[in-house]
Protein backbone atom coordinates (compact mmCIF):
# COMPACT_ATOMS: atom_id res chain seq x y z
CA MET A 1 126.12 109.85 103.45
CA ARG A 2 124.11 112.18 106.29
CA ILE A 3 120.18 112.19 106.42
CA ASN A 4 118.62 114.63 108.67
CA ARG A 5 116.02 112.50 110.84
CA GLN A 6 113.95 115.54 110.94
CA ALA A 7 113.34 115.60 107.77
CA ILE A 8 112.43 111.45 107.18
CA HIS A 9 109.58 112.76 110.08
CA LEU A 10 108.67 115.34 108.23
CA ALA A 11 108.25 113.90 104.75
CA PRO A 12 105.48 111.57 105.58
CA LEU A 13 103.71 114.16 107.15
CA SER A 14 104.04 116.82 104.33
CA VAL A 15 102.61 114.16 102.00
CA LEU A 16 99.84 113.50 104.46
CA ALA A 17 98.87 117.68 104.18
CA TYR A 18 98.67 117.22 100.09
CA LEU A 19 96.84 114.11 100.37
CA GLN A 20 94.50 115.95 102.73
CA LEU A 21 94.36 118.82 100.43
CA LEU A 22 93.69 116.39 97.26
CA HIS A 23 90.55 115.24 99.10
CA SER A 24 88.98 118.63 100.39
CA ASN A 25 86.15 120.12 98.88
CA VAL A 26 88.65 123.33 97.67
CA GLY A 27 87.68 123.46 93.80
CA TRP A 28 91.42 124.70 93.50
CA HIS A 29 93.28 124.13 89.82
CA TRP A 30 96.36 125.41 90.38
CA GLY A 31 96.86 126.98 87.18
CA TRP A 32 99.80 125.54 84.71
CA LEU A 33 101.25 124.21 88.04
CA GLY A 34 97.99 121.97 88.00
CA ARG A 35 98.30 120.82 84.60
CA TRP A 36 102.00 120.26 84.30
CA ILE A 37 103.36 119.42 87.60
CA LEU A 38 101.32 117.80 91.04
CA ILE A 39 97.60 117.19 90.52
CA PRO A 40 95.43 119.74 92.24
CA PRO A 41 92.27 118.91 93.90
CA ALA A 42 89.65 119.56 90.94
CA GLY A 43 91.82 117.37 89.18
CA HIS A 44 91.86 114.74 91.20
CA TRP A 45 87.97 114.93 91.71
CA MET A 46 88.12 113.48 88.37
CA HIS A 47 89.58 110.37 89.76
CA HIS A 48 87.05 109.98 92.08
CA SER A 49 84.15 110.64 89.66
CA ASP A 50 81.84 108.73 88.89
CA ASP A 51 81.32 109.64 85.23
CA PRO A 52 82.43 106.95 82.95
CA TYR A 53 84.56 109.30 80.78
CA PHE A 54 87.20 110.10 84.01
CA TYR A 55 87.44 106.34 84.63
CA GLY A 56 91.11 106.13 84.83
CA ARG A 57 92.05 109.49 84.73
CA ASN A 58 94.50 112.04 86.91
CA LEU A 59 96.30 108.64 88.41
CA GLY A 60 99.47 110.16 89.53
CA ILE A 61 100.85 112.62 91.60
CA PRO A 62 103.08 113.98 89.45
CA VAL A 63 101.45 115.03 86.60
CA ILE A 64 104.32 113.92 84.01
CA TRP A 65 102.64 110.02 84.41
CA ASP A 66 99.53 111.14 83.34
CA ARG A 67 100.67 113.01 80.44
CA LEU A 68 103.52 110.18 79.19
CA PHE A 69 100.35 107.64 79.58
CA GLY A 70 97.67 109.57 78.20
CA THR A 71 95.23 109.23 81.48
CA PHE A 72 95.62 113.52 82.03
CA ALA A 73 92.71 115.16 81.97
CA ASP A 74 92.63 118.60 82.11
CA PRO A 75 91.23 119.97 86.05
CA ARG A 76 89.36 122.92 84.64
CA LEU A 77 86.78 120.35 83.34
CA ALA A 78 85.89 118.92 87.07
CA ALA A 79 83.42 121.89 87.33
CA GLY A 80 81.06 119.37 85.64
CA ILE A 81 81.18 117.07 88.04
CA GLU A 82 78.32 116.28 90.51
CA ARG A 83 79.06 112.91 92.02
CA PHE A 84 82.05 111.05 93.60
CA GLY A 85 81.87 107.19 94.46
CA VAL A 86 84.61 104.24 94.00
CA CYS A 87 82.00 101.12 93.55
CA ASP A 88 82.87 97.76 94.73
CA ALA A 89 86.64 98.74 95.44
CA PRO A 90 87.93 96.77 98.51
CA THR A 91 90.07 99.38 99.67
CA ASN A 92 87.29 101.77 99.95
CA THR A 93 86.25 101.21 103.86
CA GLY A 94 84.99 104.79 104.66
CA ARG A 95 87.91 105.57 106.35
CA PRO A 96 90.17 107.74 103.92
CA HIS A 97 91.98 109.18 107.27
CA VAL A 98 92.80 105.60 108.89
CA GLU A 99 93.92 104.03 105.07
CA ALA A 100 95.79 107.19 104.16
CA TRP A 101 97.33 106.91 107.61
CA ARG A 102 98.44 103.47 107.52
CA ASP A 103 99.78 103.56 103.93
CA LEU A 104 102.24 106.87 105.25
CA MET A 105 103.41 104.55 107.91
CA GLN A 106 103.99 101.61 106.03
CA TRP A 107 105.71 103.89 103.51
CA ARG A 108 108.11 105.62 106.34
CA ARG A 109 109.36 102.13 107.75
CA ALA A 110 110.57 101.46 104.15
CA ILE A 111 112.27 104.45 103.59
CA TRP A 112 113.75 104.00 107.87
CA ARG A 113 114.88 100.68 106.43
CA LEU A 114 116.61 102.19 102.91
CA VAL A 115 118.36 104.96 104.97
CA GLN A 116 119.67 101.71 107.37
CA LEU A 117 121.11 100.09 104.18
CA LEU A 118 122.78 103.22 102.95
CA ARG A 119 124.31 104.66 106.48
CA PRO A 120 128.18 103.25 106.06
CA ARG A 121 128.72 100.94 109.30
CA ARG A 122 131.01 101.70 111.94
CA LYS A 123 134.38 100.21 112.63
CA LEU A 124 134.86 98.31 115.60
CA ALA A 125 138.13 99.01 117.61
CA GLY A 126 140.89 97.56 115.52
CA ALA A 127 139.21 96.46 112.92
CA THR A 128 140.89 96.54 109.31
CA ASP A 129 140.05 97.03 105.85
CA ALA A 130 141.25 93.62 104.46
CA PRO A 131 138.57 91.37 103.78
CA PRO A 132 137.47 88.64 106.05
CA ARG A 133 139.19 85.28 106.01
CA GLN A 134 137.72 82.78 104.18
CA ARG A 135 137.45 79.72 106.29
CA ASN A 136 137.87 76.14 104.42
CA PRO A 137 134.76 74.12 104.88
CA ALA A 138 137.01 71.20 104.36
CA GLY A 139 139.66 72.25 107.07
CA SER A 140 143.04 73.44 107.25
CA ALA A 141 146.01 72.35 105.37
CA ALA A 142 147.14 70.29 108.09
CA SER A 143 144.03 68.33 109.21
CA ILE A 144 143.86 67.83 105.50
CA ALA A 145 146.83 66.26 106.14
CA ARG A 146 146.25 64.24 108.14
CA ARG A 147 143.27 62.59 106.60
CA PHE A 148 145.00 61.48 103.84
CA LEU A 149 147.54 59.90 105.53
CA ALA A 150 144.87 58.26 108.08
CA TRP A 151 143.22 57.63 104.66
CA ASN A 152 146.79 55.92 103.00
CA ASN A 153 147.12 53.85 106.36
CA LEU A 154 143.68 52.64 105.99
CA ARG A 155 144.82 50.90 102.62
């Protein structure tokens, strides 16, 4: 399996761009795309609304998760949202750009480790496909025979 290195670096940047768009002050609804595929900025506003009706709504990035678990709210309802805020949240440091960048770099490192695990190993010169020889923890047959004879001589 061959994975392009540029794709590994581009994926976190595209996710970061999408997250920045989600948290922007743009009231886009994206029509059917926003109701069935990806949460638009207006739909994500509900997630940050201080209105109790919207608590726990639109949590997933793909809309399918919210639809499956009954937490989807139509992004067109976001027009009535007046205030935003996350109260008493330990992750709310007031620096969303720093938090998003930190999370994306952790995600990138995890993907890179996964790629390293899935990458086929190169064979060394002279290596064969035979399984490695298992070493007997008790020793070779000759050493076992010598110990047995020595033990018999002690009797």
